[in-house]
Amino acid sequence: MSDTVDWTEAAPGVVYQRCTACDSRWYFRRSFCPRCGDSAPVVLQAEGLGHVHALSVVARAPCAALRPEVPYGIALVDADEGFRLMTRAAPGLRLGDRVRLRFILSAGALLPYCETTDHV
């Protein structure tokens, strides 16, 4: 039984994997390392800290449930643990900002949301 929590399972956290053979780290869970093919990755809990790698604004909702929320920001965050993930983004973020993840309810789903560490 794992002690990790992940937003994809409606729990406020982010899980990533690390290869025990080559030390590669990645976000989307799989049964093998995408770098070397080793079949024994470990699952780890992320701390939720990182830096903004890229930013964008969603002006056209991808579904009807999100229409009331547009426009909203999204960010690619380089996590301190060495993987990258996409999150919703607080207004006013800039490239390179130090951020912390928290989790918000959006259209009935729990989603990662980043904001500068100054706001927490």
PDB file of N, CA and C in Angstrom:
ATOM      1  N   MET A   1       0.854  -1.195   0.000  1.00  0.00           N
ATOM      2  CA  MET A   1       0.000   0.000   0.000  1.00  0.00           C
ATOM      3  C   MET A   1       0.889   1.244   0.000  1.00  0.00           C
ATOM      4  N   SER A   2       0.567   2.196  -0.827  1.00  0.00           N
ATOM      5  CA  SER A   2       1.373   3.402  -0.977  1.00  0.00           C
ATOM      6  C   SER A   2       0.913   4.498  -0.011  1.00  0.00           C
ATOM      7  N   ASP A   3       1.874   5.297   0.452  1.00  0.00           N
ATOM      8  CA  ASP A   3       1.562   6.435   1.314  1.00  0.00           C
ATOM      9  C   ASP A   3       1.468   7.729   0.523  1.00  0.00           C
ATOM     10  N   THR A   4       1.461   7.629  -0.805  1.00  0.00           N
ATOM     11  CA  THR A   4       1.419   8.819  -1.644  1.00  0.00           C
ATOM     12  C   THR A   4      -0.010   9.233  -1.929  1.00  0.00           C
ATOM     13  N   VAL A   5      -0.186  10.549  -2.201  1.00  0.00           N
ATOM     14  CA  VAL A   5      -1.493  11.078  -2.595  1.00  0.00           C
ATOM     15  C   VAL A   5      -1.312  11.853  -3.893  1.00  0.00           C
ATOM     16  N   ASP A   6      -2.313  11.751  -4.763  1.00  0.00           N
ATOM     17  CA  ASP A   6      -2.210  12.381  -6.076  1.00  0.00           C
ATOM     18  C   ASP A   6      -3.542  12.997  -6.479  1.00  0.00           C
ATOM     19  N   TRP A   7      -3.461  14.171  -7.109  1.00  0.00           N
ATOM     20  CA  TRP A   7      -4.666  14.890  -7.512  1.00  0.00           C
ATOM     21  C   TRP A   7      -5.479  14.096  -8.530  1.00  0.00           C
ATOM     22  N   THR A   8      -4.857  13.194  -9.295  1.00  0.00           N
ATOM     23  CA  THR A   8      -5.598  12.394 -10.275  1.00  0.00           C
ATOM     24  C   THR A   8      -6.491  11.360  -9.599  1.00  0.00           C
ATOM     25  N   GLU A   9      -6.296  11.200  -8.284  1.00  0.00           N
ATOM     26  CA  GLU A   9      -7.142  10.306  -7.490  1.00  0.00           C
ATOM     27  C   GLU A   9      -7.920  11.103  -6.447  1.00  0.00           C
ATOM     28  N   ALA A  10      -8.165  12.392  -6.763  1.00  0.00           N
ATOM     29  CA  ALA A  10      -8.957  13.303  -5.926  1.00  0.00           C
ATOM     30  C   ALA A  10      -8.342  13.550  -4.552  1.00  0.00           C
ATOM     31  N   ALA A  11      -7.005  13.533  -4.464  1.00  0.00           N
ATOM     32  CA  ALA A  11      -6.316  13.838  -3.213  1.00  0.00           C
ATOM     33  C   ALA A  11      -5.304  14.949  -3.487  1.00  0.00           C
ATOM     34  N   PRO A  12      -5.132  15.890  -2.564  1.00  0.00           N
ATOM     35  CA  PRO A  12      -4.268  17.048  -2.819  1.00  0.00           C
ATOM     36  C   PRO A  12      -2.775  16.728  -2.738  1.00  0.00           C
ATOM     37  N   GLY A  13      -2.214  16.291  -3.840  1.00  0.00           N
ATOM     38  CA  GLY A  13      -0.797  15.993  -3.913  1.00  0.00           C
ATOM     39  C   GLY A  13      -0.397  15.654  -5.339  1.00  0.00           C
ATOM     40  N   VAL A  14       0.918  15.583  -5.569  1.00  0.00           N
ATOM     41  CA  VAL A  14       1.454  15.208  -6.880  1.00  0.00           C
ATOM     42  C   VAL A  14       2.450  14.073  -6.682  1.00  0.00           C
ATOM     43  N   VAL A  15       2.258  13.024  -7.478  1.00  0.00           N
ATOM     44  CA  VAL A  15       3.126  11.858  -7.452  1.00  0.00           C
ATOM     45  C   VAL A  15       3.951  11.842  -8.735  1.00  0.00           C
ATOM     46  N   TYR A  16       5.214  11.479  -8.608  1.00  0.00           N
ATOM     47  CA  TYR A  16       6.074  11.316  -9.780  1.00  0.00           C
ATOM     48  C   TYR A  16       6.840  10.012  -9.643  1.00  0.00           C
ATOM     49  N   GLN A  17       7.598   9.654 -10.682  1.00  0.00           N
ATOM     50  CA  GLN A  17       8.378   8.425 -10.639  1.00  0.00           C
ATOM     51  C   GLN A  17       9.850   8.716 -10.891  1.00  0.00           C
ATOM     52  N   ARG A  18      10.696   7.828 -10.356  1.00  0.00           N
ATOM     53  CA  ARG A  18      12.144   7.910 -10.552  1.00  0.00           C
ATOM     54  C   ARG A  18      12.653   6.527 -10.910  1.00  0.00           C
ATOM     55  N   CYS A  19      13.541   6.483 -11.880  1.00  0.00           N
ATOM     56  CA  CYS A  19      14.153   5.229 -12.302  1.00  0.00           C
ATOM     57  C   CYS A  19      15.297   4.886 -11.362  1.00  0.00           C
ATOM     58  N   THR A  20      15.310   3.664 -10.863  1.00  0.00           N
ATOM     59  CA  THR A  20      16.388   3.232  -9.977  1.00  0.00           C
ATOM     60  C   THR A  20      17.655   2.890 -10.752  1.00  0.00           C
ATOM     61  N   ALA A  21      17.540   2.716 -12.072  1.00  0.00           N
ATOM     62  CA  ALA A  21      18.709   2.375 -12.890  1.00  0.00           C
ATOM     63  C   ALA A  21      19.447   3.608 -13.399  1.00  0.00           C
ATOM     64  N   CYS A  22      18.717   4.610 -13.916  1.00  0.00           N
ATOM     65  CA  CYS A  22      19.384   5.772 -14.529  1.00  0.00           C
ATOM     66  C   CYS A  22      19.069   7.106 -13.844  1.00  0.00           C
ATOM     67  N   ASP A  23      18.235   7.099 -12.819  1.00  0.00           N
ATOM     68  CA  ASP A  23      17.845   8.276 -12.038  1.00  0.00           C
ATOM     69  C   ASP A  23      16.982   9.280 -12.810  1.00  0.00           C
ATOM     70  N   SER A  24      16.433   8.890 -13.946  1.00  0.00           N
ATOM     71  CA  SER A  24      15.503   9.749 -14.678  1.00  0.00           C
ATOM     72  C   SER A  24      14.243   9.941 -13.836  1.00  0.00           C
ATOM     73  N   ARG A  25      13.588  11.112 -13.990  1.00  0.00           N
ATOM     74  CA  ARG A  25      12.347  11.412 -13.249  1.00  0.00           C
ATOM     75  C   ARG A  25      11.294  11.889 -14.234  1.00  0.00           C
ATOM     76  N   TRP A  26      10.067  11.502 -14.010  1.00  0.00           N
ATOM     77  CA  TRP A  26       8.981  11.891 -14.904  1.00  0.00           C
ATOM     78  C   TRP A  26       7.672  11.944 -14.139  1.00  0.00           C
ATOM     79  N   TYR A  27       6.690  12.584 -14.771  1.00  0.00           N
ATOM     80  CA  TYR A  27       5.420  12.847 -14.110  1.00  0.00           C
ATOM     81  C   TYR A  27       4.342  11.815 -14.413  1.00  0.00           C
ATOM     82  N   PHE A  28       4.087  11.504 -15.672  1.00  0.00           N
ATOM     83  CA  PHE A  28       3.003  10.559 -15.983  1.00  0.00           C
ATOM     84  C   PHE A  28       3.434   9.146 -15.628  1.00  0.00           C
ATOM     85  N   ARG A  29       2.636   8.495 -14.804  1.00  0.00           N
ATOM     86  CA  ARG A  29       2.989   7.155 -14.335  1.00  0.00           C
ATOM     87  C   ARG A  29       2.991   6.138 -15.470  1.00  0.00           C
ATOM     88  N   ARG A  30       4.007   5.293 -15.439  1.00  0.00           N
ATOM     89  CA  ARG A  30       4.112   4.183 -16.383  1.00  0.00           C
ATOM     90  C   ARG A  30       4.900   3.058 -15.720  1.00  0.00           C
ATOM     91  N   SER A  31       4.877   1.907 -16.333  1.00  0.00           N
ATOM     92  CA  SER A  31       5.501   0.721 -15.733  1.00  0.00           C
ATOM     93  C   SER A  31       6.976   0.564 -16.097  1.00  0.00           C
ATOM     94  N   PHE A  32       7.529   1.501 -16.842  1.00  0.00           N
ATOM     95  CA  PHE A  32       8.927   1.410 -17.261  1.00  0.00           C
ATOM     96  C   PHE A  32       9.520   2.817 -17.360  1.00  0.00           C
ATOM     97  N   CYS A  33      10.828   2.896 -17.371  1.00  0.00           N
ATOM     98  CA  CYS A  33      11.516   4.179 -17.522  1.00  0.00           C
ATOM     99  C   CYS A  33      11.500   4.591 -18.989  1.00  0.00           C
ATOM    100  N   PRO A  34      11.037   5.807 -19.297  1.00  0.00           N
ATOM    101  CA  PRO A  34      11.014   6.246 -20.693  1.00  0.00           C
ATOM    102  C   PRO A  34      12.406   6.537 -21.251  1.00  0.00           C
ATOM    103  N   ARG A  35      13.394   6.622 -20.379  1.00  0.00           N
ATOM    104  CA  ARG A  35      14.760   6.907 -20.829  1.00  0.00           C
ATOM    105  C   ARG A  35      15.565   5.633 -21.115  1.00  0.00           C
ATOM    106  N   CYS A  36      15.562   4.689 -20.166  1.00  0.00           N
ATOM    107  CA  CYS A  36      16.397   3.494 -20.334  1.00  0.00           C
ATOM    108  C   CYS A  36      15.608   2.197 -20.454  1.00  0.00           C
ATOM    109  N   GLY A  37      14.292   2.245 -20.192  1.00  0.00           N
ATOM    110  CA  GLY A  37      13.460   1.055 -20.329  1.00  0.00           C
ATOM    111  C   GLY A  37      13.401   0.169 -19.104  1.00  0.00           C
ATOM    112  N   ASP A  38      14.097   0.517 -18.027  1.00  0.00           N
ATOM    113  CA  ASP A  38      14.065  -0.299 -16.811  1.00  0.00           C
ATOM    114  C   ASP A  38      12.623  -0.464 -16.339  1.00  0.00           C
ATOM    115  N   SER A  39      12.307  -1.626 -15.807  1.00  0.00           N
ATOM    116  CA  SER A  39      10.923  -1.912 -15.428  1.00  0.00           C
ATOM    117  C   SER A  39      10.655  -1.823 -13.930  1.00  0.00           C
ATOM    118  N   ALA A  40      11.494  -1.079 -13.195  1.00  0.00           N
ATOM    119  CA  ALA A  40      11.296  -0.987 -11.743  1.00  0.00           C
ATOM    120  C   ALA A  40      11.310   0.454 -11.243  1.00  0.00           C
ATOM    121  N   PRO A  41      10.491   1.355 -11.827  1.00  0.00           N
ATOM    122  CA  PRO A  41      10.488   2.724 -11.296  1.00  0.00           C
ATOM    123  C   PRO A  41       9.842   2.778  -9.913  1.00  0.00           C
ATOM    124  N   VAL A  42      10.284   3.754  -9.118  1.00  0.00           N
ATOM    125  CA  VAL A  42       9.682   3.952  -7.806  1.00  0.00           C
ATOM    126  C   VAL A  42       8.732   5.147  -7.876  1.00  0.00           C
ATOM    127  N   VAL A  43       7.701   5.108  -7.067  1.00  0.00           N
ATOM    128  CA  VAL A  43       6.707   6.181  -6.992  1.00  0.00           C
ATOM    129  C   VAL A  43       7.029   7.028  -5.775  1.00  0.00           C
ATOM    130  N   LEU A  44       7.093   8.357  -5.979  1.00  0.00           N
ATOM    131  CA  LEU A  44       7.472   9.278  -4.912  1.00  0.00           C
ATOM    132  C   LEU A  44       6.496  10.445  -4.816  1.00  0.00           C
ATOM    133  N   GLN A  45       6.419  11.027  -3.644  1.00  0.00           N
ATOM    134  CA  GLN A  45       5.563  12.188  -3.408  1.00  0.00           C
ATOM    135  C   GLN A  45       6.360  13.466  -3.643  1.00  0.00           C
ATOM    136  N   ALA A  46       5.839  14.367  -4.459  1.00  0.00           N
ATOM    137  CA  ALA A  46       6.491  15.658  -4.694  1.00  0.00           C
ATOM    138  C   ALA A  46       6.181  16.607  -3.540  1.00  0.00           C
ATOM    139  N   GLU A  47       7.109  17.523  -3.287  1.00  0.00           N
ATOM    140  CA  GLU A  47       6.914  18.519  -2.240  1.00  0.00           C
ATOM    141  C   GLU A  47       5.978  19.642  -2.676  1.00  0.00           C
ATOM    142  N   GLY A  48       5.860  19.866  -3.997  1.00  0.00           N
ATOM    143  CA  GLY A  48       4.970  20.917  -4.485  1.00  0.00           C
ATOM    144  C   GLY A  48       5.631  22.261  -4.680  1.00  0.00           C
ATOM    145  N   LEU A  49       6.952  22.285  -4.851  1.00  0.00           N
ATOM    146  CA  LEU A  49       7.685  23.522  -5.091  1.00  0.00           C
ATOM    147  C   LEU A  49       8.406  23.442  -6.427  1.00  0.00           C
ATOM    148  N   GLY A  50       8.550  24.593  -7.099  1.00  0.00           N
ATOM    149  CA  GLY A  50       9.259  24.615  -8.368  1.00  0.00           C
ATOM    150  C   GLY A  50       9.359  26.014  -8.931  1.00  0.00           C
ATOM    151  N   HIS A  51       9.640  26.079 -10.234  1.00  0.00           N
ATOM    152  CA  HIS A  51       9.772  27.350 -10.946  1.00  0.00           C
ATOM    153  C   HIS A  51       8.930  27.321 -12.215  1.00  0.00           C
ATOM    154  N   VAL A  52       8.387  28.469 -12.593  1.00  0.00           N
ATOM    155  CA  VAL A  52       7.580  28.571 -13.805  1.00  0.00           C
ATOM    156  C   VAL A  52       8.486  28.467 -15.031  1.00  0.00           C
ATOM    157  N   HIS A  53       8.189  27.516 -15.891  1.00  0.00           N
ATOM    158  CA  HIS A  53       8.928  27.318 -17.135  1.00  0.00           C
ATOM    159  C   HIS A  53       8.232  28.026 -18.305  1.00  0.00           C
ATOM    160  N   ALA A  54       6.896  27.984 -18.335  1.00  0.00           N
ATOM    161  CA  ALA A  54       6.123  28.598 -19.420  1.00  0.00           C
ATOM    162  C   ALA A  54       4.746  28.981 -18.895  1.00  0.00           C
ATOM    163  N   LEU A  55       4.145  29.976 -19.525  1.00  0.00           N
ATOM    164  CA  LEU A  55       2.817  30.463 -19.143  1.00  0.00           C
ATOM    165  C   LEU A  55       1.948  30.649 -20.377  1.00  0.00           C
ATOM    166  N   SER A  56       0.643  30.492 -20.191  1.00  0.00           N
ATOM    167  CA  SER A  56      -0.313  30.777 -21.250  1.00  0.00           C
ATOM    168  C   SER A  56      -1.647  31.139 -20.608  1.00  0.00           C
ATOM    169  N   VAL A  57      -2.523  31.721 -21.397  1.00  0.00           N
ATOM    170  CA  VAL A  57      -3.869  32.049 -20.931  1.00  0.00           C
ATOM    171  C   VAL A  57      -4.865  31.302 -21.799  1.00  0.00           C
ATOM    172  N   VAL A  58      -5.799  30.626 -21.154  1.00  0.00           N
ATOM    173  CA  VAL A  58      -6.870  29.927 -21.860  1.00  0.00           C
ATOM    174  C   VAL A  58      -8.023  30.901 -22.004  1.00  0.00           C
ATOM    175  N   ALA A  59      -8.343  31.246 -23.241  1.00  0.00           N
ATOM    176  CA  ALA A  59      -9.426  32.198 -23.509  1.00  0.00           C
ATOM    177  C   ALA A  59     -10.659  31.505 -24.075  1.00  0.00           C
ATOM    178  N   ARG A  60     -10.506  30.272 -24.501  1.00  0.00           N
ATOM    179  CA  ARG A  60     -11.625  29.500 -25.047  1.00  0.00           C
ATOM    180  C   ARG A  60     -11.689  28.178 -24.297  1.00  0.00           C
ATOM    181  N   ALA A  61     -12.754  27.987 -23.560  1.00  0.00           N
ATOM    182  CA  ALA A  61     -12.888  26.805 -22.705  1.00  0.00           C
ATOM    183  C   ALA A  61     -12.910  25.523 -23.532  1.00  0.00           C
ATOM    184  N   PRO A  62     -12.202  24.491 -23.064  1.00  0.00           N
ATOM    185  CA  PRO A  62     -12.200  23.219 -23.788  1.00  0.00           C
ATOM    186  C   PRO A  62     -13.494  22.421 -23.617  1.00  0.00           C
ATOM    187  N   CYS A  63     -14.331  22.833 -22.652  1.00  0.00           N
ATOM    188  CA  CYS A  63     -15.617  22.157 -22.447  1.00  0.00           C
ATOM    189  C   CYS A  63     -16.598  23.144 -21.808  1.00  0.00           C
ATOM    190  N   ALA A  64     -17.863  22.812 -21.851  1.00  0.00           N
ATOM    191  CA  ALA A  64     -18.911  23.695 -21.331  1.00  0.00           C
ATOM    192  C   ALA A  64     -18.745  23.980 -19.835  1.00  0.00           C
ATOM    193  N   ALA A  65     -18.292  23.006 -19.068  1.00  0.00           N
ATOM    194  CA  ALA A  65     -18.150  23.176 -17.623  1.00  0.00           C
ATOM    195  C   ALA A  65     -17.119  24.243 -17.256  1.00  0.00           C
ATOM    196  N   LEU A  66     -16.147  24.498 -18.143  1.00  0.00           N
ATOM    197  CA  LEU A  66     -15.102  25.479 -17.849  1.00  0.00           C
ATOM    198  C   LEU A  66     -15.388  26.867 -18.423  1.00  0.00           C
ATOM    199  N   ARG A  67     -16.454  27.023 -19.183  1.00  0.00           N
ATOM    200  CA  ARG A  67     -16.763  28.332 -19.776  1.00  0.00           C
ATOM    201  C   ARG A  67     -16.858  29.460 -18.754  1.00  0.00           C
ATOM    202  N   PRO A  68     -17.473  29.235 -17.596  1.00  0.00           N
ATOM    203  CA  PRO A  68     -17.556  30.332 -16.619  1.00  0.00           C
ATOM    204  C   PRO A  68     -16.193  30.770 -16.049  1.00  0.00           C
ATOM    205  N   GLU A  69     -15.151  29.953 -16.221  1.00  0.00           N
ATOM    206  CA  GLU A  69     -13.854  30.251 -15.626  1.00  0.00           C
ATOM    207  C   GLU A  69     -12.888  30.979 -16.572  1.00  0.00           C
ATOM    208  N   VAL A  70     -13.196  31.033 -17.869  1.00  0.00           N
ATOM    209  CA  VAL A  70     -12.265  31.691 -18.799  1.00  0.00           C
ATOM    210  C   VAL A  70     -12.360  33.200 -18.645  1.00  0.00           C
ATOM    211  N   PRO A  71     -11.270  33.918 -18.818  1.00  0.00           N
ATOM    212  CA  PRO A  71      -9.933  33.396 -19.082  1.00  0.00           C
ATOM    213  C   PRO A  71      -9.267  32.929 -17.785  1.00  0.00           C
ATOM    214  N   TYR A  72      -8.391  31.932 -17.920  1.00  0.00           N
ATOM    215  CA  TYR A  72      -7.598  31.472 -16.781  1.00  0.00           C
ATOM    216  C   TYR A  72      -6.197  31.105 -17.257  1.00  0.00           C
ATOM    217  N   GLY A  73      -5.249  31.211 -16.347  1.00  0.00           N
ATOM    218  CA  GLY A  73      -3.859  30.936 -16.687  1.00  0.00           C
ATOM    219  C   GLY A  73      -3.496  29.483 -16.472  1.00  0.00           C
ATOM    220  N   ILE A  74      -2.565  29.014 -17.291  1.00  0.00           N
ATOM    221  CA  ILE A  74      -1.955  27.710 -17.085  1.00  0.00           C
ATOM    222  C   ILE A  74      -0.437  27.889 -17.137  1.00  0.00           C
ATOM    223  N   ALA A  75       0.266  27.019 -16.456  1.00  0.00           N
ATOM    224  CA  ALA A  75       1.726  27.103 -16.393  1.00  0.00           C
ATOM    225  C   ALA A  75       2.337  25.717 -16.507  1.00  0.00           C
ATOM    226  N   LEU A  76       3.516  25.677 -17.098  1.00  0.00           N
ATOM    227  CA  LEU A  76       4.373  24.502 -16.992  1.00  0.00           C
ATOM    228  C   LEU A  76       5.339  24.807 -15.865  1.00  0.00           C
ATOM    229  N   VAL A  77       5.387  23.909 -14.894  1.00  0.00           N
ATOM    230  CA  VAL A  77       6.220  24.109 -13.715  1.00  0.00           C
ATOM    231  C   VAL A  77       7.311  23.044 -13.681  1.00  0.00           C
ATOM    232  N   ASP A  78       8.546  23.502 -13.528  1.00  0.00           N
ATOM    233  CA  ASP A  78       9.671  22.597 -13.314  1.00  0.00           C
ATOM    234  C   ASP A  78       9.759  22.348 -11.811  1.00  0.00           C
ATOM    235  N   ALA A  79       9.330  21.155 -11.404  1.00  0.00           N
ATOM    236  CA  ALA A  79       9.330  20.802  -9.985  1.00  0.00           C
ATOM    237  C   ALA A  79      10.759  20.628  -9.480  1.00  0.00           C
ATOM    238  N   ASP A  80      10.968  20.918  -8.222  1.00  0.00           N
ATOM    239  CA  ASP A  80      12.288  20.780  -7.614  1.00  0.00           C
ATOM    240  C   ASP A  80      12.832  19.358  -7.750  1.00  0.00           C
ATOM    241  N   GLU A  81      11.951  18.385  -7.839  1.00  0.00           N
ATOM    242  CA  GLU A  81      12.372  16.984  -7.927  1.00  0.00           C
ATOM    243  C   GLU A  81      12.885  16.587  -9.309  1.00  0.00           C
ATOM    244  N   GLY A  82      12.718  17.467 -10.310  1.00  0.00           N
ATOM    245  CA  GLY A  82      13.289  17.193 -11.620  1.00  0.00           C
ATOM    246  C   GLY A  82      12.328  16.753 -12.701  1.00  0.00           C
ATOM    247  N   PHE A  83      11.047  16.981 -12.542  1.00  0.00           N
ATOM    248  CA  PHE A  83      10.069  16.684 -13.580  1.00  0.00           C
ATOM    249  C   PHE A  83       9.268  17.948 -13.875  1.00  0.00           C
ATOM    250  N   ARG A  84       8.514  17.947 -14.947  1.00  0.00           N
ATOM    251  CA  ARG A  84       7.707  19.109 -15.353  1.00  0.00           C
ATOM    252  C   ARG A  84       6.240  18.703 -15.384  1.00  0.00           C
ATOM    253  N   LEU A  85       5.354  19.594 -14.904  1.00  0.00           N
ATOM    254  CA  LEU A  85       3.921  19.333 -14.981  1.00  0.00           C
ATOM    255  C   LEU A  85       3.164  20.608 -15.310  1.00  0.00           C
ATOM    256  N   MET A  86       1.959  20.432 -15.839  1.00  0.00           N
ATOM    257  CA  MET A  86       1.086  21.557 -16.170  1.00  0.00           C
ATOM    258  C   MET A  86       0.127  21.792 -15.010  1.00  0.00           C
ATOM    259  N   THR A  87      -0.091  23.074 -14.685  1.00  0.00           N
ATOM    260  CA  THR A  87      -1.003  23.434 -13.604  1.00  0.00           C
ATOM    261  C   THR A  87      -1.843  24.645 -14.017  1.00  0.00           C
ATOM    262  N   ARG A  88      -2.907  24.886 -13.299  1.00  0.00           N
ATOM    263  CA  ARG A  88      -3.567  26.182 -13.398  1.00  0.00           C
ATOM    264  C   ARG A  88      -2.629  27.189 -12.747  1.00  0.00           C
ATOM    265  N   ALA A  89      -2.726  28.454 -13.140  1.00  0.00           N
ATOM    266  CA  ALA A  89      -1.769  29.454 -12.667  1.00  0.00           C
ATOM    267  C   ALA A  89      -2.456  30.686 -12.096  1.00  0.00           C
ATOM    268  N   ALA A  90      -1.906  31.187 -11.022  1.00  0.00           N
ATOM    269  CA  ALA A  90      -2.392  32.424 -10.413  1.00  0.00           C
ATOM    270  C   ALA A  90      -2.103  33.597 -11.349  1.00  0.00           C
ATOM    271  N   PRO A  91      -2.961  34.627 -11.340  1.00  0.00           N
ATOM    272  CA  PRO A  91      -2.683  35.822 -12.149  1.00  0.00           C
ATOM    273  C   PRO A  91      -1.372  36.477 -11.727  1.00  0.00           C
ATOM    274  N   GLY A  92      -0.684  37.060 -12.676  1.00  0.00           N
ATOM    275  CA  GLY A  92       0.521  37.817 -12.381  1.00  0.00           C
ATOM    276  C   GLY A  92       1.808  37.025 -12.319  1.00  0.00           C
ATOM    277  N   LEU A  93       1.756  35.716 -12.534  1.00  0.00           N
ATOM    278  CA  LEU A  93       2.993  34.937 -12.528  1.00  0.00           C
ATOM    279  C   LEU A  93       3.872  35.327 -13.701  1.00  0.00           C
ATOM    280  N   ARG A  94       5.174  35.160 -13.522  1.00  0.00           N
ATOM    281  CA  ARG A  94       6.144  35.450 -14.578  1.00  0.00           C
ATOM    282  C   ARG A  94       7.065  34.244 -14.747  1.00  0.00           C
ATOM    283  N   LEU A  95       7.675  34.152 -15.914  1.00  0.00           N
ATOM    284  CA  LEU A  95       8.645  33.089 -16.160  1.00  0.00           C
ATOM    285  C   LEU A  95       9.729  33.135 -15.102  1.00  0.00           C
ATOM    286  N   GLY A  96      10.075  31.974 -14.577  1.00  0.00           N
ATOM    287  CA  GLY A  96      11.122  31.885 -13.563  1.00  0.00           C
ATOM    288  C   GLY A  96      10.664  32.069 -12.135  1.00  0.00           C
ATOM    289  N   ASP A  97       9.413  32.514 -11.917  1.00  0.00           N
ATOM    290  CA  ASP A  97       8.922  32.699 -10.546  1.00  0.00           C
ATOM    291  C   ASP A  97       9.001  31.401  -9.761  1.00  0.00           C
ATOM    292  N   ARG A  98       9.368  31.522  -8.492  1.00  0.00           N
ATOM    293  CA  ARG A  98       9.335  30.393  -7.562  1.00  0.00           C
ATOM    294  C   ARG A  98       7.880  30.198  -7.168  1.00  0.00           C
ATOM    295  N   VAL A  99       7.365  28.969  -7.294  1.00  0.00           N
ATOM    296  CA  VAL A  99       5.957  28.715  -7.014  1.00  0.00           C
ATOM    297  C   VAL A  99       5.777  27.517  -6.083  1.00  0.00           C
ATOM    298  N   ARG A 100       4.619  27.521  -5.475  1.00  0.00           N
ATOM    299  CA  ARG A 100       4.164  26.404  -4.636  1.00  0.00           C
ATOM    300  C   ARG A 100       2.829  25.946  -5.195  1.00  0.00           C
ATOM    301  N   LEU A 101       2.621  24.643  -5.186  1.00  0.00           N
ATOM    302  CA  LEU A 101       1.340  24.105  -5.632  1.00  0.00           C
ATOM    303  C   LEU A 101       0.352  24.047  -4.481  1.00  0.00           C
ATOM    304  N   ARG A 102      -0.881  24.330  -4.819  1.00  0.00           N
ATOM    305  CA  ARG A 102      -2.012  24.019  -3.954  1.00  0.00           C
ATOM    306  C   ARG A 102      -3.057  23.425  -4.879  1.00  0.00           C
ATOM    307  N   PHE A 103      -4.229  23.134  -4.411  1.00  0.00           N
ATOM    308  CA  PHE A 103      -5.211  22.448  -5.235  1.00  0.00           C
ATOM    309  C   PHE A 103      -6.547  23.150  -5.135  1.00  0.00           C
ATOM    310  N   ILE A 104      -7.201  23.283  -6.290  1.00  0.00           N
ATOM    311  CA  ILE A 104      -8.482  23.981  -6.365  1.00  0.00           C
ATOM    312  C   ILE A 104      -9.527  23.052  -6.976  1.00  0.00           C
ATOM    313  N   LEU A 105     -10.778  23.341  -6.673  1.00  0.00           N
ATOM    314  CA  LEU A 105     -11.871  22.647  -7.343  1.00  0.00           C
ATOM    315  C   LEU A 105     -12.259  23.452  -8.570  1.00  0.00           C
ATOM    316  N   SER A 106     -12.305  22.794  -9.702  1.00  0.00           N
ATOM    317  CA  SER A 106     -12.674  23.441 -10.957  1.00  0.00           C
ATOM    318  C   SER A 106     -13.554  22.486 -11.742  1.00  0.00           C
ATOM    319  N   ALA A 107     -14.755  22.917 -12.051  1.00  0.00           N
ATOM    320  CA  ALA A 107     -15.713  22.091 -12.793  1.00  0.00           C
ATOM    321  C   ALA A 107     -15.865  20.715 -12.141  1.00  0.00           C
ATOM    322  N   GLY A 108     -15.859  20.689 -10.826  1.00  0.00           N
ATOM    323  CA  GLY A 108     -16.071  19.449 -10.088  1.00  0.00           C
ATOM    324  C   GLY A 108     -14.850  18.557  -9.936  1.00  0.00           C
ATOM    325  N   ALA A 109     -13.688  19.018 -10.387  1.00  0.00           N
ATOM    326  CA  ALA A 109     -12.469  18.210 -10.286  1.00  0.00           C
ATOM    327  C   ALA A 109     -11.404  18.953  -9.481  1.00  0.00           C
ATOM    328  N   LEU A 110     -10.582  18.206  -8.779  1.00  0.00           N
ATOM    329  CA  LEU A 110      -9.455  18.772  -8.055  1.00  0.00           C
ATOM    330  C   LEU A 110      -8.295  18.950  -9.030  1.00  0.00           C
ATOM    331  N   LEU A 111      -7.752  20.180  -9.107  1.00  0.00           N
ATOM    332  CA  LEU A 111      -6.672  20.478 -10.045  1.00  0.00           C
ATOM    333  C   LEU A 111      -5.505  21.148  -9.335  1.00  0.00           C
ATOM    334  N   PRO A 112      -4.270  20.877  -9.789  1.00  0.00           N
ATOM    335  CA  PRO A 112      -3.130  21.610  -9.246  1.00  0.00           C
ATOM    336  C   PRO A 112      -3.164  23.063  -9.696  1.00  0.00           C
ATOM    337  N   TYR A 113      -2.752  23.956  -8.819  1.00  0.00           N
ATOM    338  CA  TYR A 113      -2.776  25.402  -9.045  1.00  0.00           C
ATOM    339  C   TYR A 113      -1.488  25.957  -8.452  1.00  0.00           C
ATOM    340  N   CYS A 114      -0.761  26.750  -9.220  1.00  0.00           N
ATOM    341  CA  CYS A 114       0.486  27.302  -8.683  1.00  0.00           C
ATOM    342  C   CYS A 114       0.353  28.798  -8.453  1.00  0.00           C
ATOM    343  N   GLU A 115       1.042  29.250  -7.414  1.00  0.00           N
ATOM    344  CA  GLU A 115       1.123  30.660  -7.087  1.00  0.00           C
ATOM    345  C   GLU A 115       2.501  30.928  -6.528  1.00  0.00           C
ATOM    346  N   THR A 116       2.925  32.186  -6.568  1.00  0.00           N
ATOM    347  CA  THR A 116       4.265  32.498  -6.085  1.00  0.00           C
ATOM    348  C   THR A 116       4.372  32.131  -4.614  1.00  0.00           C
ATOM    349  N   THR A 117       5.562  31.816  -4.203  1.00  0.00           N
ATOM    350  CA  THR A 117       5.768  31.474  -2.792  1.00  0.00           C
ATOM    351  C   THR A 117       5.562  32.676  -1.892  1.00  0.00           C
ATOM    352  N   ASP A 118       5.493  33.886  -2.486  1.00  0.00           N
ATOM    353  CA  ASP A 118       5.206  35.094  -1.713  1.00  0.00           C
ATOM    354  C   ASP A 118       3.777  35.087  -1.177  1.00  0.00           C
ATOM    355  N   HIS A 119       2.869  34.341  -1.841  1.00  0.00           N
ATOM    356  CA  HIS A 119       1.448  34.338  -1.463  1.00  0.00           C
ATOM    357  C   HIS A 119       1.105  33.275  -0.425  1.00  0.00           C
ATOM    358  N   VAL A 120       2.067  32.480  -0.027  1.00  0.00           N
ATOM    359  CA  VAL A 120       1.758  31.388   0.910  1.00  0.00           C
ATOM    360  C   VAL A 120       2.507  31.533   2.196  1.00  0.00           C
TER     361      VAL A 120
END
